Amino acid sequence: MGGMFALTLLLSVWGPRSAQRAVQTQRGPLVRALGSHATLSCRVSGYQGPPRQDFRWSVYRPGAPRVELRIVSTEDPGATYALYHQRVRSGEIYVERTGPDSARLHITSLQPQDRGVYECYTPSTDTMHWGKYSDTVNLTVVPSTLQVTLSSPLTPRAAKERPGELGPLSCQVSTLTPHHTHVSVSWHLERQGGGDTVDIASLSWDFLLLAGPSFQDRLRVVKSDPSTYQLTLSPLHPSDQGEVYCQATEWIQDPDQTWYPLAMRQSNRVTLNRSTVLTEAPVTGELSTLQEDSEAIGRKPLLSSSMKAIPVCSHVESPKACCSQVSLLMLASLLMLR
């Protein structure tokens, strides 16, 4: 009888359990830009007790990898080291609950000293200690080196030689980020008189061309070299008066295979006024095109009134091969039209 009781007790303590606590942060390492808004997610599963779990975030800096610096906690808002007290109090650093068993750490403006190994810890609500109660993710903070400028041949001579045409507007993008990144570019028009801002066109990092509804049949985008993207509009309309600018976004791939906007910059502005926007410009039937290195790599068909994405080149790692394939498709399409 005593032996049976001992065996039952042993099985209750060491026997199989339905689940054990597991804490998981998002996969790292993560690379984020200085001054940007960074988020680190954390989730717990397999726990016992109340469904609403607490989270505590700490960091281990490279200079002292064994020293835990507690940042913020949902269990005790006051459990913050003096080093982070002001930033937590001002809301620069905070925890967002994304569910009863998940949370996200926000650092709204990254500083150089924010790089390190971040730990997400969940206080136990289990009847006994069982499983994994914390997880870590490495965060690297790099300077933002993205630069973008917009240049235009908007001169009286150019307007006379090409009446009713704008372009090419050259958007030059450069970055010195040591990590593998891609760049997307977009052009925007802020209409005259404090009007609304409309999207002219955008080119994603994987060569998807997106045209604004009022520009779909009169724009041409050319990538003349690895860092220069050119936009031509023809014909110009009176509603095109205003200021044009381009915006560049630098993207980096996280370990979970998602693409993250590492940095974003807007260029200077080019003004379109009555001297450049001519109401009697001839209407052309030219479709929007995308070219790279003076070789056509895609032709965009006429679109409906809603903006649609056009796959132009999906593998930027081998642009020449991709361009050749799309050129063959273009040639076949042209022969069918004839």
C-alpha atoms as a PDB file:
ATOM      1  CA  MET A   1       0.000   0.000   0.000  1.00  0.00           C
ATOM      2  CA  GLY A   2       2.788   2.367   0.970  1.00  0.00           C
ATOM      3  CA  GLY A   3       4.683   1.434  -2.201  1.00  0.00           C
ATOM      4  CA  MET A   4       1.651   2.207  -4.361  1.00  0.00           C
ATOM      5  CA  PHE A   5       1.276   5.643  -2.695  1.00  0.00           C
ATOM      6  CA  ALA A   6       4.956   6.422  -3.283  1.00  0.00           C
ATOM      7  CA  LEU A   7       4.660   5.409  -6.947  1.00  0.00           C
ATOM      8  CA  THR A   8       1.562   7.607  -7.398  1.00  0.00           C
ATOM      9  CA  LEU A   9       3.350  10.555  -5.806  1.00  0.00           C
ATOM     10  CA  LEU A  10       6.407  10.014  -7.996  1.00  0.00           C
ATOM     11  CA  LEU A  11       4.293   9.923 -11.160  1.00  0.00           C
ATOM     12  CA  SER A  12       2.440  13.076 -10.129  1.00  0.00           C
ATOM     13  CA  VAL A  13       5.745  14.929  -9.720  1.00  0.00           C
ATOM     14  CA  TRP A  14       7.839  13.490 -12.529  1.00  0.00           C
ATOM     15  CA  GLY A  15       5.226  12.089 -14.888  1.00  0.00           C
ATOM     16  CA  PRO A  16       4.414  13.567 -18.292  1.00  0.00           C
ATOM     17  CA  ARG A  17       2.655  16.918 -18.372  1.00  0.00           C
ATOM     18  CA  SER A  18       0.339  18.279 -21.033  1.00  0.00           C
ATOM     19  CA  ALA A  19       2.438  21.423 -21.579  1.00  0.00           C
ATOM     20  CA  GLN A  20       5.322  23.416 -20.242  1.00  0.00           C
ATOM     21  CA  ARG A  21       5.957  27.142 -20.265  1.00  0.00           C
ATOM     22  CA  ALA A  22       7.730  28.470 -23.355  1.00  0.00           C
ATOM     23  CA  VAL A  23       8.718  32.092 -23.950  1.00  0.00           C
ATOM     24  CA  GLN A  24       9.651  33.183 -27.467  1.00  0.00           C
ATOM     25  CA  THR A  25      10.849  36.515 -28.789  1.00  0.00           C
ATOM     26  CA  GLN A  26      11.001  37.359 -32.486  1.00  0.00           C
ATOM     27  CA  ARG A  27      13.947  35.849 -34.335  1.00  0.00           C
ATOM     28  CA  GLY A  28      17.199  37.773 -34.363  1.00  0.00           C
ATOM     29  CA  PRO A  29      19.625  39.265 -34.783  1.00  0.00           C
ATOM     30  CA  LEU A  30      17.807  42.453 -35.757  1.00  0.00           C
ATOM     31  CA  VAL A  31      19.352  45.506 -37.421  1.00  0.00           C
ATOM     32  CA  ARG A  32      17.687  48.877 -36.894  1.00  0.00           C
ATOM     33  CA  ALA A  33      18.684  52.450 -37.737  1.00  0.00           C
ATOM     34  CA  LEU A  34      19.735  55.122 -35.270  1.00  0.00           C
ATOM     35  CA  GLY A  35      16.806  57.363 -34.353  1.00  0.00           C
ATOM     36  CA  SER A  36      14.181  54.958 -35.692  1.00  0.00           C
ATOM     37  CA  HIS A  37      11.281  53.330 -33.833  1.00  0.00           C
ATOM     38  CA  ALA A  38      12.144  49.730 -32.914  1.00  0.00           C
ATOM     39  CA  THR A  39       9.787  47.054 -31.618  1.00  0.00           C
ATOM     40  CA  LEU A  40      10.617  43.688 -30.039  1.00  0.00           C
ATOM     41  CA  SER A  41       7.827  41.144 -29.660  1.00  0.00           C
ATOM     42  CA  CYS A  42       7.456  38.400 -27.044  1.00  0.00           C
ATOM     43  CA  ARG A  43       4.942  35.601 -26.495  1.00  0.00           C
ATOM     44  CA  VAL A  44       4.413  32.950 -23.808  1.00  0.00           C
ATOM     45  CA  SER A  45       2.609  29.618 -24.142  1.00  0.00           C
ATOM     46  CA  GLY A  46       2.100  26.393 -22.175  1.00  0.00           C
ATOM     47  CA  TYR A  47       1.684  28.222 -18.858  1.00  0.00           C
ATOM     48  CA  GLN A  48      -0.639  27.604 -15.945  1.00  0.00           C
ATOM     49  CA  GLY A  49      -2.630  30.130 -13.982  1.00  0.00           C
ATOM     50  CA  PRO A  50      -4.433  33.255 -15.193  1.00  0.00           C
ATOM     51  CA  PRO A  51      -4.596  33.925 -18.958  1.00  0.00           C
ATOM     52  CA  ARG A  52      -3.197  37.429 -18.517  1.00  0.00           C
ATOM     53  CA  GLN A  53       0.582  37.051 -18.170  1.00  0.00           C
ATOM     54  CA  ASP A  54       3.195  39.645 -17.227  1.00  0.00           C
ATOM     55  CA  PHE A  55       6.397  40.544 -19.063  1.00  0.00           C
ATOM     56  CA  ARG A  56       9.690  42.069 -17.985  1.00  0.00           C
ATOM     57  CA  TRP A  57      12.255  43.417 -20.431  1.00  0.00           C
ATOM     58  CA  SER A  58      15.960  43.711 -19.678  1.00  0.00           C
ATOM     59  CA  VAL A  59      19.088  44.351 -21.751  1.00  0.00           C
ATOM     60  CA  TYR A  60      22.677  43.097 -21.608  1.00  0.00           C
ATOM     61  CA  ARG A  61      25.028  45.591 -23.245  1.00  0.00           C
ATOM     62  CA  PRO A  62      28.129  44.529 -25.208  1.00  0.00           C
ATOM     63  CA  GLY A  63      30.461  46.199 -22.716  1.00  0.00           C
ATOM     64  CA  ALA A  64      28.998  44.234 -19.798  1.00  0.00           C
ATOM     65  CA  PRO A  65      27.352  41.119 -21.262  1.00  0.00           C
ATOM     66  CA  ARG A  66      26.679  39.568 -17.833  1.00  0.00           C
ATOM     67  CA  VAL A  67      25.071  42.633 -16.232  1.00  0.00           C
ATOM     68  CA  GLU A  68      21.264  42.730 -16.445  1.00  0.00           C
ATOM     69  CA  LEU A  69      19.750  46.198 -16.865  1.00  0.00           C
ATOM     70  CA  ARG A  70      16.024  46.091 -16.216  1.00  0.00           C
ATOM     71  CA  ILE A  71      14.081  48.398 -18.518  1.00  0.00           C
ATOM     72  CA  VAL A  72      10.336  48.028 -18.022  1.00  0.00           C
ATOM     73  CA  SER A  73       7.798  45.557 -16.626  1.00  0.00           C
ATOM     74  CA  THR A  74       4.033  45.080 -16.918  1.00  0.00           C
ATOM     75  CA  GLU A  75       3.994  43.551 -13.444  1.00  0.00           C
ATOM     76  CA  ASP A  76       5.700  46.472 -11.687  1.00  0.00           C
ATOM     77  CA  PRO A  77       5.915  49.747 -13.669  1.00  0.00           C
ATOM     78  CA  GLY A  78       8.376  51.081 -11.118  1.00  0.00           C
ATOM     79  CA  ALA A  79      10.874  48.248 -11.627  1.00  0.00           C
ATOM     80  CA  THR A  80      13.082  50.317 -13.940  1.00  0.00           C
ATOM     81  CA  TYR A  81      16.776  50.974 -13.492  1.00  0.00           C
ATOM     82  CA  ALA A  82      17.760  54.625 -13.131  1.00  0.00           C
ATOM     83  CA  LEU A  83      19.501  54.481 -16.507  1.00  0.00           C
ATOM     84  CA  TYR A  84      16.132  54.054 -18.246  1.00  0.00           C
ATOM     85  CA  HIS A  85      13.842  55.817 -15.775  1.00  0.00           C
ATOM     86  CA  GLN A  86      13.498  59.093 -17.702  1.00  0.00           C
ATOM     87  CA  ARG A  87      12.943  57.428 -21.081  1.00  0.00           C
ATOM     88  CA  VAL A  88      10.272  55.127 -19.633  1.00  0.00           C
ATOM     89  CA  ARG A  89       8.592  57.976 -17.763  1.00  0.00           C
ATOM     90  CA  SER A  90       8.433  60.147 -20.893  1.00  0.00           C
ATOM     91  CA  GLY A  91       6.974  57.314 -22.976  1.00  0.00           C
ATOM     92  CA  GLU A  92      10.029  56.990 -25.205  1.00  0.00           C
ATOM     93  CA  ILE A  93      10.230  53.359 -24.057  1.00  0.00           C
ATOM     94  CA  TYR A  94       7.068  51.415 -23.223  1.00  0.00           C
ATOM     95  CA  VAL A  95       5.431  47.972 -23.387  1.00  0.00           C
ATOM     96  CA  GLU A  96       2.351  47.359 -25.505  1.00  0.00           C
ATOM     97  CA  ARG A  97       0.108  44.416 -24.692  1.00  0.00           C
ATOM     98  CA  THR A  98      -0.825  42.704 -27.954  1.00  0.00           C
ATOM     99  CA  GLY A  99      -2.799  39.946 -26.212  1.00  0.00           C
ATOM    100  CA  PRO A 100      -3.231  38.293 -22.808  1.00  0.00           C
ATOM    101  CA  ASP A 101      -0.069  36.252 -23.388  1.00  0.00           C
ATOM    102  CA  SER A 102       1.902  38.510 -25.742  1.00  0.00           C
ATOM    103  CA  ALA A 103       3.543  41.919 -25.557  1.00  0.00           C
ATOM    104  CA  ARG A 104       5.785  44.223 -27.552  1.00  0.00           C
ATOM    105  CA  LEU A 105       8.617  46.449 -26.339  1.00  0.00           C
ATOM    106  CA  HIS A 106       8.758  49.848 -28.055  1.00  0.00           C
ATOM    107  CA  ILE A 107      11.840  52.066 -28.261  1.00  0.00           C
ATOM    108  CA  THR A 108      10.584  55.105 -30.160  1.00  0.00           C
ATOM    109  CA  SER A 109      13.985  56.668 -30.877  1.00  0.00           C
ATOM    110  CA  LEU A 110      16.977  54.340 -30.908  1.00  0.00           C
ATOM    111  CA  GLN A 111      20.216  55.587 -29.393  1.00  0.00           C
ATOM    112  CA  PRO A 112      23.712  54.131 -29.946  1.00  0.00           C
ATOM    113  CA  GLN A 113      23.720  52.620 -26.445  1.00  0.00           C
ATOM    114  CA  ASP A 114      20.511  50.686 -27.177  1.00  0.00           C
ATOM    115  CA  ARG A 115      22.348  47.904 -28.968  1.00  0.00           C
ATOM    116  CA  GLY A 116      22.668  44.693 -27.019  1.00  0.00           C
ATOM    117  CA  VAL A 117      20.923  41.440 -26.113  1.00  0.00           C
ATOM    118  CA  TYR A 118      17.334  41.990 -24.954  1.00  0.00           C
ATOM    119  CA  GLU A 119      15.686  39.481 -22.624  1.00  0.00           C
ATOM    120  CA  CYS A 120      11.956  38.944 -22.243  1.00  0.00           C
ATOM    121  CA  TYR A 121      11.126  37.265 -18.932  1.00  0.00           C
ATOM    122  CA  THR A 122       7.702  36.061 -17.727  1.00  0.00           C
ATOM    123  CA  PRO A 123       7.148  35.682 -13.952  1.00  0.00           C
ATOM    124  CA  SER A 124       5.866  32.242 -13.007  1.00  0.00           C
ATOM    125  CA  THR A 125       2.175  31.583 -12.422  1.00  0.00           C
ATOM    126  CA  ASP A 126       2.685  27.807 -12.606  1.00  0.00           C
ATOM    127  CA  THR A 127       2.179  25.394  -9.712  1.00  0.00           C
ATOM    128  CA  MET A 128       5.804  24.355 -10.171  1.00  0.00           C
ATOM    129  CA  HIS A 129       8.744  25.621 -12.189  1.00  0.00           C
ATOM    130  CA  TRP A 130       8.478  23.857 -15.536  1.00  0.00           C
ATOM    131  CA  GLY A 131       9.789  25.013 -18.909  1.00  0.00           C
ATOM    132  CA  LYS A 132      11.452  28.084 -20.357  1.00  0.00           C
ATOM    133  CA  TYR A 133      10.693  31.405 -18.674  1.00  0.00           C
ATOM    134  CA  SER A 134      12.692  33.822 -20.816  1.00  0.00           C
ATOM    135  CA  ASP A 135      14.102  34.327 -24.298  1.00  0.00           C
ATOM    136  CA  THR A 136      16.555  36.770 -25.871  1.00  0.00           C
ATOM    137  CA  VAL A 137      17.034  38.674 -29.120  1.00  0.00           C
ATOM    138  CA  ASN A 138      20.101  40.580 -30.310  1.00  0.00           C
ATOM    139  CA  LEU A 139      19.573  44.159 -31.510  1.00  0.00           C
ATOM    140  CA  THR A 140      22.185  46.048 -33.557  1.00  0.00           C
ATOM    141  CA  VAL A 141      21.854  49.811 -34.025  1.00  0.00           C
ATOM    142  CA  VAL A 142      23.468  51.283 -37.148  1.00  0.00           C
ATOM    143  CA  PRO A 143      23.673  54.879 -38.442  1.00  0.00           C
ATOM    144  CA  SER A 144      21.171  55.861 -41.117  1.00  0.00           C
ATOM    145  CA  THR A 145      23.234  56.623 -44.240  1.00  0.00           C
ATOM    146  CA  LEU A 146      20.383  56.827 -46.757  1.00  0.00           C
ATOM    147  CA  GLN A 147      20.544  59.958 -48.941  1.00  0.00           C
ATOM    148  CA  VAL A 148      18.187  61.057 -51.734  1.00  0.00           C
ATOM    149  CA  THR A 149      18.235  64.066 -54.082  1.00  0.00           C
ATOM    150  CA  LEU A 150      15.950  65.105 -56.930  1.00  0.00           C
ATOM    151  CA  SER A 151      17.270  66.924 -59.999  1.00  0.00           C
ATOM    152  CA  SER A 152      15.351  68.204 -63.031  1.00  0.00           C
ATOM    153  CA  PRO A 153      16.119  69.806 -66.419  1.00  0.00           C
ATOM    154  CA  LEU A 154      13.326  72.350 -65.892  1.00  0.00           C
ATOM    155  CA  THR A 155      14.737  75.225 -67.931  1.00  0.00           C
ATOM    156  CA  PRO A 156      13.047  77.512 -70.503  1.00  0.00           C
ATOM    157  CA  ARG A 157      15.005  75.800 -73.265  1.00  0.00           C
ATOM    158  CA  ALA A 158      13.937  72.337 -72.120  1.00  0.00           C
ATOM    159  CA  ALA A 159      10.305  73.464 -71.953  1.00  0.00           C
ATOM    160  CA  LYS A 160      10.501  74.789 -75.531  1.00  0.00           C
ATOM    161  CA  GLU A 161      12.197  71.652 -76.882  1.00  0.00           C
ATOM    162  CA  ARG A 162       9.775  69.265 -75.173  1.00  0.00           C
ATOM    163  CA  PRO A 163       6.452  71.111 -74.793  1.00  0.00           C
ATOM    164  CA  GLY A 164       4.066  69.465 -72.393  1.00  0.00           C
ATOM    165  CA  GLU A 165       6.665  67.033 -71.078  1.00  0.00           C
ATOM    166  CA  LEU A 166       8.286  66.831 -67.683  1.00  0.00           C
ATOM    167  CA  GLY A 167      11.475  64.953 -67.338  1.00  0.00           C
ATOM    168  CA  PRO A 168      13.430  63.184 -66.727  1.00  0.00           C
ATOM    169  CA  LEU A 169      13.250  63.874 -63.003  1.00  0.00           C
ATOM    170  CA  SER A 170      16.303  62.081 -61.633  1.00  0.00           C
ATOM    171  CA  CYS A 171      15.979  60.628 -58.152  1.00  0.00           C
ATOM    172  CA  GLN A 172      19.488  59.742 -56.945  1.00  0.00           C
ATOM    173  CA  VAL A 173      19.710  57.372 -53.992  1.00  0.00           C
ATOM    174  CA  SER A 174      22.802  56.340 -52.044  1.00  0.00           C
ATOM    175  CA  THR A 175      23.461  54.353 -48.882  1.00  0.00           C
ATOM    176  CA  LEU A 176      26.560  53.189 -47.037  1.00  0.00           C
ATOM    177  CA  THR A 177      24.868  50.593 -44.843  1.00  0.00           C
ATOM    178  CA  PRO A 178      27.273  47.626 -44.423  1.00  0.00           C
ATOM    179  CA  HIS A 179      24.371  45.170 -44.385  1.00  0.00           C
ATOM    180  CA  HIS A 180      22.589  43.694 -47.401  1.00  0.00           C
ATOM    181  CA  THR A 181      19.667  46.003 -48.219  1.00  0.00           C
ATOM    182  CA  HIS A 182      17.383  46.979 -51.114  1.00  0.00           C
ATOM    183  CA  VAL A 183      15.871  50.345 -52.024  1.00  0.00           C
ATOM    184  CA  SER A 184      12.394  51.363 -53.179  1.00  0.00           C
ATOM    185  CA  VAL A 185      11.606  54.753 -54.739  1.00  0.00           C
ATOM    186  CA  SER A 186       8.394  56.729 -55.126  1.00  0.00           C
ATOM    187  CA  TRP A 187       7.429  60.114 -56.615  1.00  0.00           C
ATOM    188  CA  HIS A 188       4.754  62.391 -55.164  1.00  0.00           C
ATOM    189  CA  LEU A 189       3.041  65.650 -56.154  1.00  0.00           C
ATOM    190  CA  GLU A 190       1.846  68.207 -53.614  1.00  0.00           C
ATOM    191  CA  ARG A 191      -0.644  70.214 -55.609  1.00  0.00           C
ATOM    192  CA  GLN A 192      -0.474  73.981 -55.818  1.00  0.00           C
ATOM    193  CA  GLY A 193      -2.190  76.138 -53.236  1.00  0.00           C
ATOM    194  CA  GLY A 194      -1.803  73.767 -50.321  1.00  0.00           C
ATOM    195  CA  GLY A 195      -3.777  71.047 -52.048  1.00  0.00           C
ATOM    196  CA  ASP A 196      -3.633  67.352 -51.397  1.00  0.00           C
ATOM    197  CA  THR A 197      -0.588  65.167 -52.044  1.00  0.00           C
ATOM    198  CA  VAL A 198      -1.042  62.517 -54.712  1.00  0.00           C
ATOM    199  CA  ASP A 199       1.115  59.518 -55.586  1.00  0.00           C
ATOM    200  CA  ILE A 200       2.623  59.671 -59.069  1.00  0.00           C
ATOM    201  CA  ALA A 201       4.438  56.337 -59.162  1.00  0.00           C
ATOM    202  CA  SER A 202       6.446  53.963 -57.005  1.00  0.00           C
ATOM    203  CA  LEU A 203       8.995  51.284 -57.746  1.00  0.00           C
ATOM    204  CA  SER A 204       9.430  48.615 -55.084  1.00  0.00           C
ATOM    205  CA  TRP A 205      12.739  46.990 -54.245  1.00  0.00           C
ATOM    206  CA  ASP A 206      11.703  43.899 -56.236  1.00  0.00           C
ATOM    207  CA  PHE A 207      10.743  45.987 -59.318  1.00  0.00           C
ATOM    208  CA  LEU A 208       6.974  46.241 -58.940  1.00  0.00           C
ATOM    209  CA  LEU A 209       5.767  49.418 -60.633  1.00  0.00           C
ATOM    210  CA  LEU A 210       2.727  51.129 -59.140  1.00  0.00           C
ATOM    211  CA  ALA A 211       1.178  54.121 -60.957  1.00  0.00           C
ATOM    212  CA  GLY A 212      -1.249  56.686 -59.568  1.00  0.00           C
ATOM    213  CA  PRO A 213      -4.721  56.714 -61.193  1.00  0.00           C
ATOM    214  CA  SER A 214      -4.231  60.075 -62.934  1.00  0.00           C
ATOM    215  CA  PHE A 215      -0.738  59.184 -64.224  1.00  0.00           C
ATOM    216  CA  GLN A 216      -1.151  55.620 -65.465  1.00  0.00           C
ATOM    217  CA  ASP A 217      -1.005  56.279 -69.213  1.00  0.00           C
ATOM    218  CA  ARG A 218       1.524  59.115 -69.289  1.00  0.00           C
ATOM    219  CA  LEU A 219       4.553  58.203 -67.226  1.00  0.00           C
ATOM    220  CA  ARG A 220       7.829  56.457 -67.921  1.00  0.00           C
ATOM    221  CA  VAL A 221      10.279  55.209 -65.276  1.00  0.00           C
ATOM    222  CA  VAL A 222      13.909  54.486 -66.144  1.00  0.00           C
ATOM    223  CA  LYS A 223      16.652  53.101 -63.933  1.00  0.00           C
ATOM    224  CA  SER A 224      19.643  54.571 -65.731  1.00  0.00           C
ATOM    225  CA  ASP A 225      22.275  53.272 -63.288  1.00  0.00           C
ATOM    226  CA  PRO A 226      22.331  51.432 -59.938  1.00  0.00           C
ATOM    227  CA  SER A 227      21.575  54.616 -57.971  1.00  0.00           C
ATOM    228  CA  THR A 228      19.531  56.792 -60.378  1.00  0.00           C
ATOM    229  CA  TYR A 229      15.803  56.475 -61.049  1.00  0.00           C
ATOM    230  CA  GLN A 230      14.273  58.752 -63.689  1.00  0.00           C
ATOM    231  CA  LEU A 231      10.640  59.778 -64.090  1.00  0.00           C
ATOM    232  CA  THR A 232       9.156  61.333 -67.248  1.00  0.00           C
ATOM    233  CA  LEU A 233       5.590  62.652 -67.509  1.00  0.00           C
ATOM    234  CA  SER A 234       3.973  63.369 -70.868  1.00  0.00           C
ATOM    235  CA  PRO A 235       1.666  65.120 -71.480  1.00  0.00           C
ATOM    236  CA  LEU A 236       1.467  67.477 -68.515  1.00  0.00           C
ATOM    237  CA  HIS A 237      -1.936  68.545 -67.225  1.00  0.00           C
ATOM    238  CA  PRO A 238      -2.939  71.811 -65.511  1.00  0.00           C
ATOM    239  CA  SER A 239      -3.658  69.790 -62.359  1.00  0.00           C
ATOM    240  CA  ASP A 240       0.045  68.825 -62.253  1.00  0.00           C
ATOM    241  CA  GLN A 241       1.052  72.252 -60.921  1.00  0.00           C
ATOM    242  CA  GLY A 242       2.695  72.041 -57.527  1.00  0.00           C
ATOM    243  CA  GLU A 243       5.813  70.535 -55.980  1.00  0.00           C
ATOM    244  CA  VAL A 244       7.247  67.140 -56.898  1.00  0.00           C
ATOM    245  CA  TYR A 245       9.525  65.149 -54.607  1.00  0.00           C
ATOM    246  CA  CYS A 246      10.805  61.596 -54.443  1.00  0.00           C
ATOM    247  CA  GLN A 247      11.031  59.359 -51.418  1.00  0.00           C
ATOM    248  CA  ALA A 248      13.459  56.492 -50.902  1.00  0.00           C
ATOM    249  CA  THR A 249      13.063  53.625 -48.453  1.00  0.00           C
ATOM    250  CA  GLU A 250      15.862  51.221 -47.535  1.00  0.00           C
ATOM    251  CA  TRP A 251      14.716  47.687 -46.732  1.00  0.00           C
ATOM    252  CA  ILE A 252      16.467  44.939 -44.787  1.00  0.00           C
ATOM    253  CA  GLN A 253      15.387  41.319 -44.458  1.00  0.00           C
ATOM    254  CA  ASP A 254      14.863  40.051 -40.921  1.00  0.00           C
ATOM    255  CA  PRO A 255      15.671  36.437 -39.971  1.00  0.00           C
ATOM    256  CA  ASP A 256      11.953  35.567 -40.191  1.00  0.00           C
ATOM    257  CA  GLN A 257      12.168  36.423 -43.936  1.00  0.00           C
ATOM    258  CA  THR A 258      10.038  39.576 -43.656  1.00  0.00           C
ATOM    259  CA  TRP A 259      11.303  42.890 -45.061  1.00  0.00           C
ATOM    260  CA  TYR A 260      11.658  45.804 -42.660  1.00  0.00           C
ATOM    261  CA  PRO A 261      11.933  49.520 -43.614  1.00  0.00           C
ATOM    262  CA  LEU A 262      15.339  50.341 -42.169  1.00  0.00           C
ATOM    263  CA  ALA A 263      15.344  54.013 -43.203  1.00  0.00           C
ATOM    264  CA  MET A 264      13.225  56.482 -45.163  1.00  0.00           C
ATOM    265  CA  ARG A 265      14.190  59.848 -46.679  1.00  0.00           C
ATOM    266  CA  GLN A 266      12.484  62.540 -48.759  1.00  0.00           C
ATOM    267  CA  SER A 267      14.309  64.563 -51.397  1.00  0.00           C
ATOM    268  CA  ASN A 268      14.303  68.262 -52.150  1.00  0.00           C
ATOM    269  CA  ARG A 269      11.351  69.545 -54.177  1.00  0.00           C
ATOM    270  CA  VAL A 270      10.948  70.625 -57.800  1.00  0.00           C
ATOM    271  CA  THR A 271       8.224  73.179 -58.599  1.00  0.00           C
ATOM    272  CA  LEU A 272       5.876  72.775 -61.550  1.00  0.00           C
ATOM    273  CA  ASN A 273       4.173  76.043 -62.535  1.00  0.00           C
ATOM    274  CA  ARG A 274       2.351  77.555 -65.513  1.00  0.00           C
ATOM    275  CA  SER A 275       5.574  77.908 -67.493  1.00  0.00           C
ATOM    276  CA  THR A 276       6.209  74.163 -67.428  1.00  0.00           C
ATOM    277  CA  VAL A 277       2.635  72.824 -67.409  1.00  0.00           C
ATOM    278  CA  LEU A 278       1.181  73.506 -70.895  1.00  0.00           C
ATOM    279  CA  THR A 279      -2.521  72.953 -71.488  1.00  0.00           C
ATOM    280  CA  GLU A 280      -2.142  72.496 -75.260  1.00  0.00           C
ATOM    281  CA  ALA A 281       0.397  69.706 -75.119  1.00  0.00           C
ATOM    282  CA  PRO A 282      -0.233  66.907 -77.606  1.00  0.00           C
ATOM    283  CA  VAL A 283      -1.731  63.737 -76.161  1.00  0.00           C
ATOM    284  CA  THR A 284       0.488  60.727 -76.690  1.00  0.00           C
ATOM    285  CA  GLY A 285      -0.524  57.087 -76.685  1.00  0.00           C
ATOM    286  CA  GLU A 286       2.700  55.989 -75.013  1.00  0.00           C
ATOM    287  CA  LEU A 287       2.287  53.483 -72.231  1.00  0.00           C
ATOM    288  CA  SER A 288       4.215  53.606 -68.962  1.00  0.00           C
ATOM    289  CA  THR A 289       7.486  51.716 -69.162  1.00  0.00           C
ATOM    290  CA  LEU A 290      10.292  50.715 -66.864  1.00  0.00           C
ATOM    291  CA  GLN A 291      13.833  50.499 -68.216  1.00  0.00           C
ATOM    292  CA  GLU A 292      17.134  49.557 -66.672  1.00  0.00           C
ATOM    293  CA  ASP A 293      20.549  50.343 -68.126  1.00  0.00           C
ATOM    294  CA  SER A 294      18.849  51.623 -71.291  1.00  0.00           C
ATOM    295  CA  GLU A 295      17.257  48.193 -71.866  1.00  0.00           C
ATOM    296  CA  ALA A 296      13.487  47.841 -71.658  1.00  0.00           C
ATOM    297  CA  ILE A 297      12.568  45.366 -68.937  1.00  0.00           C
ATOM    298  CA  GLY A 298       8.804  45.730 -68.876  1.00  0.00           C
ATOM    299  CA  ARG A 299       5.823  47.514 -70.373  1.00  0.00           C
ATOM    300  CA  LYS A 300       2.821  48.384 -68.261  1.00  0.00           C
ATOM    301  CA  PRO A 301      -0.627  47.868 -69.814  1.00  0.00           C
ATOM    302  CA  LEU A 302      -3.394  50.410 -69.430  1.00  0.00           C
ATOM    303  CA  LEU A 303      -4.810  50.175 -65.926  1.00  0.00           C
ATOM    304  CA  SER A 304      -8.242  50.676 -64.442  1.00  0.00           C
ATOM    305  CA  SER A 305      -9.075  53.654 -62.238  1.00  0.00           C
ATOM    306  CA  SER A 306      -7.656  51.898 -59.173  1.00  0.00           C
ATOM    307  CA  MET A 307      -3.933  51.549 -58.592  1.00  0.00           C
ATOM    308  CA  LYS A 308      -2.536  48.134 -59.449  1.00  0.00           C
ATOM    309  CA  ALA A 309       0.875  46.578 -59.008  1.00  0.00           C
ATOM    310  CA  ILE A 310       2.661  45.378 -62.131  1.00  0.00           C
ATOM    311  CA  PRO A 311       5.341  42.694 -61.653  1.00  0.00           C
ATOM    312  CA  VAL A 312       8.340  43.963 -63.609  1.00  0.00           C
ATOM    313  CA  CYS A 313      11.309  42.089 -62.244  1.00  0.00           C
ATOM    314  CA  SER A 314      11.054  39.888 -59.170  1.00  0.00           C
ATOM    315  CA  HIS A 315      14.671  38.841 -58.649  1.00  0.00           C
ATOM    316  CA  VAL A 316      16.965  41.812 -58.219  1.00  0.00           C
ATOM    317  CA  GLU A 317      19.921  39.542 -57.463  1.00  0.00           C
ATOM    318  CA  SER A 318      20.234  38.740 -61.187  1.00  0.00           C
ATOM    319  CA  PRO A 319      18.712  41.765 -62.957  1.00  0.00           C
ATOM    320  CA  LYS A 320      20.271  41.061 -66.369  1.00  0.00           C
ATOM    321  CA  ALA A 321      18.774  37.574 -66.600  1.00  0.00           C
ATOM    322  CA  CYS A 322      15.451  38.848 -65.370  1.00  0.00           C
ATOM    323  CA  CYS A 323      15.495  41.747 -67.798  1.00  0.00           C
ATOM    324  CA  SER A 324      16.171  39.382 -70.702  1.00  0.00           C
ATOM    325  CA  GLN A 325      13.166  37.240 -69.788  1.00  0.00           C
ATOM    326  CA  VAL A 326      10.839  40.226 -69.546  1.00  0.00           C
ATOM    327  CA  SER A 327      12.209  41.639 -72.825  1.00  0.00           C
ATOM    328  CA  LEU A 328      11.287  38.391 -74.591  1.00  0.00           C
ATOM    329  CA  LEU A 329       7.779  38.623 -73.168  1.00  0.00           C
ATOM    330  CA  MET A 330       7.553  42.200 -74.424  1.00  0.00           C
ATOM    331  CA  LEU A 331       8.634  41.168 -77.912  1.00  0.00           C
ATOM    332  CA  ALA A 332       6.028  38.389 -78.018  1.00  0.00           C
ATOM    333  CA  SER A 333       3.334  40.837 -76.862  1.00  0.00           C
ATOM    334  CA  LEU A 334       4.259  43.363 -79.541  1.00  0.00           C
ATOM    335  CA  LEU A 335       4.134  40.706 -82.275  1.00  0.00           C
ATOM    336  CA  MET A 336       0.663  39.690 -81.118  1.00  0.00           C
ATOM    337  CA  LEU A 337      -0.496  43.319 -81.246  1.00  0.00           C
ATOM    338  CA  ARG A 338       0.739  43.597 -84.819  1.00  0.00           C
END
